[in-house]
């Protein structure tokens, strides 16, 4: 009697070549840790946060192989930290006001923007088809990896470490002035200025990185060819780029 064939997914796993576990070089790991402002005690936790589900078949992994479970945990840690920040920042506001800000700050779009400013996609382990596959609205793979990274920091260093990462790297322009009107990211506003003035888009260059690993200081130059440049510092590259963009925008708008 002919045995029933196994499902395609199972056949793929059975026929897949077992490969060495994904890993970062020491230089890559140190570069990423410096960018996020946190050094891992257990590097395996960091690697786990960077493994996209698209590699499950290729590596014959199970439910715990990819970063999906860590993404689940990181989403809850992020929510807790942001909710507490909003409660402390707006002691007199009603729940509805804070809920709107909360959903903006923990949205996939915001997570993707944070990941983009950390250049997180460069460190992700994913199959070739996912390398160029981005959602029309935002980079879902990067957004998920940011939440997984938060979980990794939480598991490795505790809630305080995760909270410090979020406060250091998050995009809090949406909380500016305690207003319901959200301020645009200065990098976006600078890009809009370049588009309106039909000039090349702004370029960002990291001029210097100083300070210890737990409290790095980045110096970044923002420039628009033929129009000007500005330099600013920040506790991470994303923060420094936003500060430089804001300074350059002020310069351009006041010419």
C-alpha atoms as a PDB file:
ATOM      1  CA  UNK A   1       0.000   0.000   0.000  1.00  0.00           C
ATOM      2  CA  UNK A   2       1.354   3.397  -0.998  1.00  0.00           C
ATOM      3  CA  UNK A   3       2.231   5.574   1.951  1.00  0.00           C
ATOM      4  CA  UNK A   4       0.614   9.033   2.000  1.00  0.00           C
ATOM      5  CA  UNK A   5       2.963  11.800   0.969  1.00  0.00           C
ATOM      6  CA  UNK A   6       4.097  14.283   3.567  1.00  0.00           C
ATOM      7  CA  UNK A   7       3.005  17.922   3.385  1.00  0.00           C
ATOM      8  CA  UNK A   8       5.190  20.134   1.226  1.00  0.00           C
ATOM      9  CA  UNK A   9       6.540  22.092   4.207  1.00  0.00           C
ATOM     10  CA  UNK A  10       7.617  18.839   5.884  1.00  0.00           C
ATOM     11  CA  UNK A  11       9.263  17.597   2.668  1.00  0.00           C
ATOM     12  CA  UNK A  12      11.161  20.862   2.384  1.00  0.00           C
ATOM     13  CA  UNK A  13      12.440  20.523   5.914  1.00  0.00           C
ATOM     14  CA  UNK A  14      13.406  16.894   5.421  1.00  0.00           C
ATOM     15  CA  UNK A  15      15.317  17.693   2.252  1.00  0.00           C
ATOM     16  CA  UNK A  16      16.920  20.852   3.498  1.00  0.00           C
ATOM     17  CA  UNK A  17      20.622  20.903   4.140  1.00  0.00           C
ATOM     18  CA  UNK A  18      21.442  21.489   7.797  1.00  0.00           C
ATOM     19  CA  UNK A  19      23.493  24.675   7.931  1.00  0.00           C
ATOM     20  CA  UNK A  20      25.546  26.304  10.628  1.00  0.00           C
ATOM     21  CA  UNK A  21      23.547  28.579  12.911  1.00  0.00           C
ATOM     22  CA  UNK A  22      23.359  32.240  11.801  1.00  0.00           C
ATOM     23  CA  UNK A  23      25.903  34.454  13.515  1.00  0.00           C
ATOM     24  CA  UNK A  24      27.427  37.918  13.428  1.00  0.00           C
ATOM     25  CA  UNK A  25      31.140  38.561  13.329  1.00  0.00           C
ATOM     26  CA  UNK A  26      32.584  40.153  16.453  1.00  0.00           C
ATOM     27  CA  UNK A  27      33.043  43.410  14.539  1.00  0.00           C
ATOM     28  CA  UNK A  28      29.401  43.387  13.385  1.00  0.00           C
ATOM     29  CA  UNK A  29      28.153  42.656  16.892  1.00  0.00           C
ATOM     30  CA  UNK A  30      30.236  45.429  18.429  1.00  0.00           C
ATOM     31  CA  UNK A  31      29.054  47.875  15.763  1.00  0.00           C
ATOM     32  CA  UNK A  32      25.393  47.043  16.402  1.00  0.00           C
ATOM     33  CA  UNK A  33      25.831  47.157  20.185  1.00  0.00           C
ATOM     34  CA  UNK A  34      27.454  50.566  19.908  1.00  0.00           C
ATOM     35  CA  UNK A  35      24.622  51.812  17.723  1.00  0.00           C
ATOM     36  CA  UNK A  36      21.904  50.653  20.134  1.00  0.00           C
ATOM     37  CA  UNK A  37      23.897  51.635  23.226  1.00  0.00           C
ATOM     38  CA  UNK A  38      23.786  48.226  24.885  1.00  0.00           C
ATOM     39  CA  UNK A  39      26.369  45.424  25.134  1.00  0.00           C
ATOM     40  CA  UNK A  40      25.006  41.901  25.481  1.00  0.00           C
ATOM     41  CA  UNK A  41      26.257  39.471  28.094  1.00  0.00           C
ATOM     42  CA  UNK A  42      24.817  36.579  26.058  1.00  0.00           C
ATOM     43  CA  UNK A  43      25.345  37.166  22.347  1.00  0.00           C
ATOM     44  CA  UNK A  44      23.087  34.205  21.448  1.00  0.00           C
ATOM     45  CA  UNK A  45      20.077  36.194  22.647  1.00  0.00           C
ATOM     46  CA  UNK A  46      20.972  39.006  20.248  1.00  0.00           C
ATOM     47  CA  UNK A  47      21.419  36.585  17.327  1.00  0.00           C
ATOM     48  CA  UNK A  48      18.033  35.006  18.087  1.00  0.00           C
ATOM     49  CA  UNK A  49      16.355  38.419  17.844  1.00  0.00           C
ATOM     50  CA  UNK A  50      17.761  38.900  14.340  1.00  0.00           C
ATOM     51  CA  UNK A  51      16.570  35.633  12.752  1.00  0.00           C
ATOM     52  CA  UNK A  52      13.612  36.189  10.424  1.00  0.00           C
ATOM     53  CA  UNK A  53      10.962  33.415  10.125  1.00  0.00           C
ATOM     54  CA  UNK A  54      11.813  32.995   6.431  1.00  0.00           C
ATOM     55  CA  UNK A  55      14.822  30.907   7.481  1.00  0.00           C
ATOM     56  CA  UNK A  56      12.855  28.277   9.419  1.00  0.00           C
ATOM     57  CA  UNK A  57      12.752  25.789   6.530  1.00  0.00           C
ATOM     58  CA  UNK A  58      16.297  26.451   5.380  1.00  0.00           C
ATOM     59  CA  UNK A  59      17.673  25.708   8.837  1.00  0.00           C
ATOM     60  CA  UNK A  60      15.064  23.066   9.751  1.00  0.00           C
ATOM     61  CA  UNK A  61      14.058  25.110  12.760  1.00  0.00           C
ATOM     62  CA  UNK A  62      11.023  24.857  14.990  1.00  0.00           C
ATOM     63  CA  UNK A  63       8.713  27.380  16.600  1.00  0.00           C
ATOM     64  CA  UNK A  64      11.502  28.790  18.744  1.00  0.00           C
ATOM     65  CA  UNK A  65      14.068  29.150  15.939  1.00  0.00           C
ATOM     66  CA  UNK A  66      13.075  32.570  14.602  1.00  0.00           C
ATOM     67  CA  UNK A  67      12.483  35.859  16.404  1.00  0.00           C
ATOM     68  CA  UNK A  68       8.672  35.559  16.385  1.00  0.00           C
ATOM     69  CA  UNK A  69       8.327  34.577  20.048  1.00  0.00           C
ATOM     70  CA  UNK A  70      10.752  37.319  21.056  1.00  0.00           C
ATOM     71  CA  UNK A  71       8.755  39.797  18.988  1.00  0.00           C
ATOM     72  CA  UNK A  72       5.681  38.798  21.031  1.00  0.00           C
ATOM     73  CA  UNK A  73       7.520  39.511  24.287  1.00  0.00           C
ATOM     74  CA  UNK A  74       9.148  42.707  23.051  1.00  0.00           C
ATOM     75  CA  UNK A  75       5.791  44.139  22.023  1.00  0.00           C
ATOM     76  CA  UNK A  76       4.596  43.805  25.638  1.00  0.00           C
ATOM     77  CA  UNK A  77       7.778  45.306  27.108  1.00  0.00           C
ATOM     78  CA  UNK A  78       7.557  48.240  24.701  1.00  0.00           C
ATOM     79  CA  UNK A  79       3.902  48.775  25.584  1.00  0.00           C
ATOM     80  CA  UNK A  80       4.649  48.799  29.313  1.00  0.00           C
ATOM     81  CA  UNK A  81       7.507  51.304  28.994  1.00  0.00           C
ATOM     82  CA  UNK A  82       5.590  53.655  26.686  1.00  0.00           C
ATOM     83  CA  UNK A  83       2.437  53.492  28.805  1.00  0.00           C
ATOM     84  CA  UNK A  84       4.381  54.401  31.953  1.00  0.00           C
ATOM     85  CA  UNK A  85       6.114  57.266  30.146  1.00  0.00           C
ATOM     86  CA  UNK A  86       2.784  58.682  28.997  1.00  0.00           C
ATOM     87  CA  UNK A  87       1.266  58.378  32.468  1.00  0.00           C
ATOM     88  CA  UNK A  88       4.219  60.288  33.935  1.00  0.00           C
ATOM     89  CA  UNK A  89       4.380  62.926  31.186  1.00  0.00           C
ATOM     90  CA  UNK A  90       0.656  63.714  31.101  1.00  0.00           C
ATOM     91  CA  UNK A  91      -0.652  63.475  34.697  1.00  0.00           C
ATOM     92  CA  UNK A  92      -3.762  65.545  33.914  1.00  0.00           C
ATOM     93  CA  UNK A  93      -4.754  64.104  30.543  1.00  0.00           C
ATOM     94  CA  UNK A  94      -7.612  61.689  29.973  1.00  0.00           C
ATOM     95  CA  UNK A  95      -7.147  58.092  28.850  1.00  0.00           C
ATOM     96  CA  UNK A  96      -8.321  58.824  25.296  1.00  0.00           C
ATOM     97  CA  UNK A  97      -5.589  61.424  24.724  1.00  0.00           C
ATOM     98  CA  UNK A  98      -2.862  59.049  25.902  1.00  0.00           C
ATOM     99  CA  UNK A  99      -4.295  56.108  23.955  1.00  0.00           C
ATOM    100  CA  UNK A 100      -3.887  57.966  20.665  1.00  0.00           C
ATOM    101  CA  UNK A 101      -0.274  58.823  21.440  1.00  0.00           C
ATOM    102  CA  UNK A 102       0.364  55.287  22.675  1.00  0.00           C
ATOM    103  CA  UNK A 103      -0.838  53.652  19.448  1.00  0.00           C
ATOM    104  CA  UNK A 104       1.302  56.033  17.382  1.00  0.00           C
ATOM    105  CA  UNK A 105       4.397  55.319  19.452  1.00  0.00           C
ATOM    106  CA  UNK A 106       4.093  51.500  19.410  1.00  0.00           C
ATOM    107  CA  UNK A 107       2.818  51.167  15.840  1.00  0.00           C
ATOM    108  CA  UNK A 108       4.552  49.044  13.228  1.00  0.00           C
ATOM    109  CA  UNK A 109       5.337  52.224  11.313  1.00  0.00           C
ATOM    110  CA  UNK A 110       7.175  53.742  14.280  1.00  0.00           C
ATOM    111  CA  UNK A 111       9.033  50.496  15.010  1.00  0.00           C
ATOM    112  CA  UNK A 112      10.108  50.351  11.358  1.00  0.00           C
ATOM    113  CA  UNK A 113      11.339  53.958  11.496  1.00  0.00           C
ATOM    114  CA  UNK A 114      13.366  53.213  14.618  1.00  0.00           C
ATOM    115  CA  UNK A 115      14.834  50.129  12.962  1.00  0.00           C
ATOM    116  CA  UNK A 116      15.679  52.067   9.805  1.00  0.00           C
ATOM    117  CA  UNK A 117      17.562  54.705  11.788  1.00  0.00           C
ATOM    118  CA  UNK A 118      19.508  51.918  13.523  1.00  0.00           C
ATOM    119  CA  UNK A 119      20.217  50.303  10.109  1.00  0.00           C
ATOM    120  CA  UNK A 120      18.824  47.108  11.625  1.00  0.00           C
ATOM    121  CA  UNK A 121      17.987  45.469   8.276  1.00  0.00           C
ATOM    122  CA  UNK A 122      21.733  45.201   7.591  1.00  0.00           C
ATOM    123  CA  UNK A 123      22.021  42.785  10.520  1.00  0.00           C
ATOM    124  CA  UNK A 124      18.951  40.607   9.905  1.00  0.00           C
ATOM    125  CA  UNK A 125      19.206  36.972   8.882  1.00  0.00           C
ATOM    126  CA  UNK A 126      16.574  36.269   6.215  1.00  0.00           C
ATOM    127  CA  UNK A 127      16.241  34.394   2.946  1.00  0.00           C
ATOM    128  CA  UNK A 128      17.033  36.003  -0.393  1.00  0.00           C
ATOM    129  CA  UNK A 129      13.380  36.608  -1.285  1.00  0.00           C
ATOM    130  CA  UNK A 130      12.876  38.701   1.859  1.00  0.00           C
ATOM    131  CA  UNK A 131      15.952  40.861   1.298  1.00  0.00           C
ATOM    132  CA  UNK A 132      14.141  43.018  -1.240  1.00  0.00           C
ATOM    133  CA  UNK A 133      10.599  42.392  -0.016  1.00  0.00           C
ATOM    134  CA  UNK A 134       9.241  45.395   1.925  1.00  0.00           C
ATOM    135  CA  UNK A 135       5.640  46.171   2.766  1.00  0.00           C
ATOM    136  CA  UNK A 136       4.173  49.046   0.758  1.00  0.00           C
ATOM    137  CA  UNK A 137       3.542  51.009   3.956  1.00  0.00           C
ATOM    138  CA  UNK A 138       6.502  50.050   6.139  1.00  0.00           C
ATOM    139  CA  UNK A 139       9.252  47.462   6.524  1.00  0.00           C
ATOM    140  CA  UNK A 140       7.475  44.785   8.551  1.00  0.00           C
ATOM    141  CA  UNK A 141      10.583  42.596   8.952  1.00  0.00           C
ATOM    142  CA  UNK A 142      12.488  45.474  10.532  1.00  0.00           C
ATOM    143  CA  UNK A 143       9.543  46.507  12.712  1.00  0.00           C
ATOM    144  CA  UNK A 144       9.249  42.958  14.063  1.00  0.00           C
ATOM    145  CA  UNK A 145      12.996  42.764  14.637  1.00  0.00           C
ATOM    146  CA  UNK A 146      12.925  45.966  16.696  1.00  0.00           C
ATOM    147  CA  UNK A 147      10.382  44.408  19.048  1.00  0.00           C
ATOM    148  CA  UNK A 148      12.474  41.219  19.186  1.00  0.00           C
ATOM    149  CA  UNK A 149      15.542  43.323  19.983  1.00  0.00           C
ATOM    150  CA  UNK A 150      13.689  44.953  22.878  1.00  0.00           C
ATOM    151  CA  UNK A 151      12.887  41.467  24.193  1.00  0.00           C
ATOM    152  CA  UNK A 152      16.521  40.433  23.801  1.00  0.00           C
ATOM    153  CA  UNK A 153      17.721  43.420  25.836  1.00  0.00           C
ATOM    154  CA  UNK A 154      15.033  42.712  28.440  1.00  0.00           C
ATOM    155  CA  UNK A 155      16.049  39.041  28.744  1.00  0.00           C
ATOM    156  CA  UNK A 156      19.749  39.856  28.858  1.00  0.00           C
ATOM    157  CA  UNK A 157      19.760  42.943  31.050  1.00  0.00           C
ATOM    158  CA  UNK A 158      16.330  43.320  32.620  1.00  0.00           C
ATOM    159  CA  UNK A 159      13.582  45.921  32.366  1.00  0.00           C
ATOM    160  CA  UNK A 160      15.846  48.851  33.217  1.00  0.00           C
ATOM    161  CA  UNK A 161      18.129  48.065  30.258  1.00  0.00           C
ATOM    162  CA  UNK A 162      15.153  47.717  27.886  1.00  0.00           C
ATOM    163  CA  UNK A 163      13.682  50.977  29.148  1.00  0.00           C
ATOM    164  CA  UNK A 164      16.983  52.809  28.609  1.00  0.00           C
ATOM    165  CA  UNK A 165      17.175  51.492  25.045  1.00  0.00           C
ATOM    166  CA  UNK A 166      13.635  52.639  24.266  1.00  0.00           C
ATOM    167  CA  UNK A 167      14.172  56.093  25.778  1.00  0.00           C
ATOM    168  CA  UNK A 168      17.485  56.427  23.930  1.00  0.00           C
ATOM    169  CA  UNK A 169      16.428  55.213  20.483  1.00  0.00           C
ATOM    170  CA  UNK A 170      12.706  55.855  20.122  1.00  0.00           C
ATOM    171  CA  UNK A 171      11.193  58.601  17.996  1.00  0.00           C
ATOM    172  CA  UNK A 172       9.379  60.792  20.500  1.00  0.00           C
ATOM    173  CA  UNK A 173       8.564  63.711  18.195  1.00  0.00           C
ATOM    174  CA  UNK A 174       4.931  62.638  18.468  1.00  0.00           C
ATOM    175  CA  UNK A 175       4.979  63.620  22.142  1.00  0.00           C
ATOM    176  CA  UNK A 176       6.459  67.084  21.537  1.00  0.00           C
ATOM    177  CA  UNK A 177       4.933  69.924  23.553  1.00  0.00           C
ATOM    178  CA  UNK A 178       2.256  67.594  24.940  1.00  0.00           C
ATOM    179  CA  UNK A 179       0.178  68.473  21.904  1.00  0.00           C
ATOM    180  CA  UNK A 180      -2.275  66.335  20.024  1.00  0.00           C
ATOM    181  CA  UNK A 181      -0.705  67.723  16.847  1.00  0.00           C
ATOM    182  CA  UNK A 182       2.302  65.536  16.169  1.00  0.00           C
ATOM    183  CA  UNK A 183       5.543  67.093  15.007  1.00  0.00           C
ATOM    184  CA  UNK A 184       7.095  65.592  11.885  1.00  0.00           C
ATOM    185  CA  UNK A 185      10.440  63.868  12.079  1.00  0.00           C
ATOM    186  CA  UNK A 186      13.008  66.573  11.187  1.00  0.00           C
ATOM    187  CA  UNK A 187      14.622  64.205   8.696  1.00  0.00           C
ATOM    188  CA  UNK A 188      11.275  63.892   6.921  1.00  0.00           C
ATOM    189  CA  UNK A 189      10.779  67.665   7.011  1.00  0.00           C
ATOM    190  CA  UNK A 190      14.270  68.160   5.576  1.00  0.00           C
ATOM    191  CA  UNK A 191      13.495  65.680   2.783  1.00  0.00           C
ATOM    192  CA  UNK A 192      10.295  67.601   2.058  1.00  0.00           C
ATOM    193  CA  UNK A 193      12.308  70.840   1.832  1.00  0.00           C
ATOM    194  CA  UNK A 194      14.714  69.203  -0.640  1.00  0.00           C
ATOM    195  CA  UNK A 195      11.799  67.970  -2.752  1.00  0.00           C
ATOM    196  CA  UNK A 196      10.100  71.349  -2.784  1.00  0.00           C
ATOM    197  CA  UNK A 197      13.351  73.072  -3.775  1.00  0.00           C
ATOM    198  CA  UNK A 198      14.247  70.460  -6.399  1.00  0.00           C
ATOM    199  CA  UNK A 199      17.649  69.706  -4.924  1.00  0.00           C
ATOM    200  CA  UNK A 200      19.533  66.551  -3.950  1.00  0.00           C
ATOM    201  CA  UNK A 201      18.310  64.902  -0.758  1.00  0.00           C
ATOM    202  CA  UNK A 202      20.235  65.332   2.462  1.00  0.00           C
ATOM    203  CA  UNK A 203      23.256  63.171   3.195  1.00  0.00           C
ATOM    204  CA  UNK A 204      24.254  62.118   6.718  1.00  0.00           C
ATOM    205  CA  UNK A 205      27.804  61.369   7.799  1.00  0.00           C
ATOM    206  CA  UNK A 206      28.959  60.115  11.204  1.00  0.00           C
ATOM    207  CA  UNK A 207      32.001  62.238  12.000  1.00  0.00           C
ATOM    208  CA  UNK A 208      32.882  60.819  15.394  1.00  0.00           C
ATOM    209  CA  UNK A 209      31.826  58.220  17.932  1.00  0.00           C
ATOM    210  CA  UNK A 210      33.075  58.691  21.468  1.00  0.00           C
ATOM    211  CA  UNK A 211      32.300  57.697  25.024  1.00  0.00           C
ATOM    212  CA  UNK A 212      31.871  54.276  26.665  1.00  0.00           C
ATOM    213  CA  UNK A 213      29.697  51.528  25.144  1.00  0.00           C
ATOM    214  CA  UNK A 214      26.901  52.102  27.659  1.00  0.00           C
ATOM    215  CA  UNK A 215      26.769  55.857  26.948  1.00  0.00           C
ATOM    216  CA  UNK A 216      28.097  56.549  23.438  1.00  0.00           C
ATOM    217  CA  UNK A 217      28.124  60.012  21.880  1.00  0.00           C
ATOM    218  CA  UNK A 218      27.656  60.371  18.122  1.00  0.00           C
ATOM    219  CA  UNK A 219      28.596  63.433  16.089  1.00  0.00           C
ATOM    220  CA  UNK A 220      26.769  63.579  12.749  1.00  0.00           C
ATOM    221  CA  UNK A 221      26.880  66.025   9.852  1.00  0.00           C
ATOM    222  CA  UNK A 222      23.792  66.622   7.710  1.00  0.00           C
ATOM    223  CA  UNK A 223      24.353  68.315   4.361  1.00  0.00           C
ATOM    224  CA  UNK A 224      22.419  69.326   1.271  1.00  0.00           C
ATOM    225  CA  UNK A 225      24.741  69.780  -1.656  1.00  0.00           C
ATOM    226  CA  UNK A 226      25.060  73.410  -2.669  1.00  0.00           C
ATOM    227  CA  UNK A 227      22.865  74.677   0.171  1.00  0.00           C
ATOM    228  CA  UNK A 228      24.595  74.068   3.479  1.00  0.00           C
ATOM    229  CA  UNK A 229      25.463  71.685   6.292  1.00  0.00           C
ATOM    230  CA  UNK A 230      25.033  71.376  10.042  1.00  0.00           C
ATOM    231  CA  UNK A 231      26.576  69.217  12.758  1.00  0.00           C
ATOM    232  CA  UNK A 232      24.957  67.883  15.916  1.00  0.00           C
ATOM    233  CA  UNK A 233      25.533  65.334  18.674  1.00  0.00           C
ATOM    234  CA  UNK A 234      23.282  62.643  20.138  1.00  0.00           C
ATOM    235  CA  UNK A 235      23.252  59.609  22.408  1.00  0.00           C
ATOM    236  CA  UNK A 236      22.748  57.377  19.351  1.00  0.00           C
ATOM    237  CA  UNK A 237      23.153  57.802  15.614  1.00  0.00           C
ATOM    238  CA  UNK A 238      19.428  58.257  15.005  1.00  0.00           C
ATOM    239  CA  UNK A 239      19.167  60.993  17.624  1.00  0.00           C
ATOM    240  CA  UNK A 240      22.249  62.762  16.253  1.00  0.00           C
ATOM    241  CA  UNK A 241      20.912  62.578  12.679  1.00  0.00           C
ATOM    242  CA  UNK A 242      17.591  64.091  13.744  1.00  0.00           C
ATOM    243  CA  UNK A 243      19.361  66.863  15.640  1.00  0.00           C
ATOM    244  CA  UNK A 244      21.598  67.609  12.647  1.00  0.00           C
ATOM    245  CA  UNK A 245      18.590  67.597  10.303  1.00  0.00           C
ATOM    246  CA  UNK A 246      16.751  70.001  12.597  1.00  0.00           C
ATOM    247  CA  UNK A 247      19.768  72.332  12.735  1.00  0.00           C
ATOM    248  CA  UNK A 248      20.220  72.249   8.964  1.00  0.00           C
ATOM    249  CA  UNK A 249      16.512  72.849   8.383  1.00  0.00           C
ATOM    250  CA  UNK A 250      16.639  75.909  10.630  1.00  0.00           C
ATOM    251  CA  UNK A 251      19.611  77.170   8.642  1.00  0.00           C
ATOM    252  CA  UNK A 252      17.921  76.636   5.279  1.00  0.00           C
ATOM    253  CA  UNK A 253      14.585  78.135   6.292  1.00  0.00           C
ATOM    254  CA  UNK A 254      16.243  81.270   7.695  1.00  0.00           C
ATOM    255  CA  UNK A 255      18.469  82.022   4.716  1.00  0.00           C
END
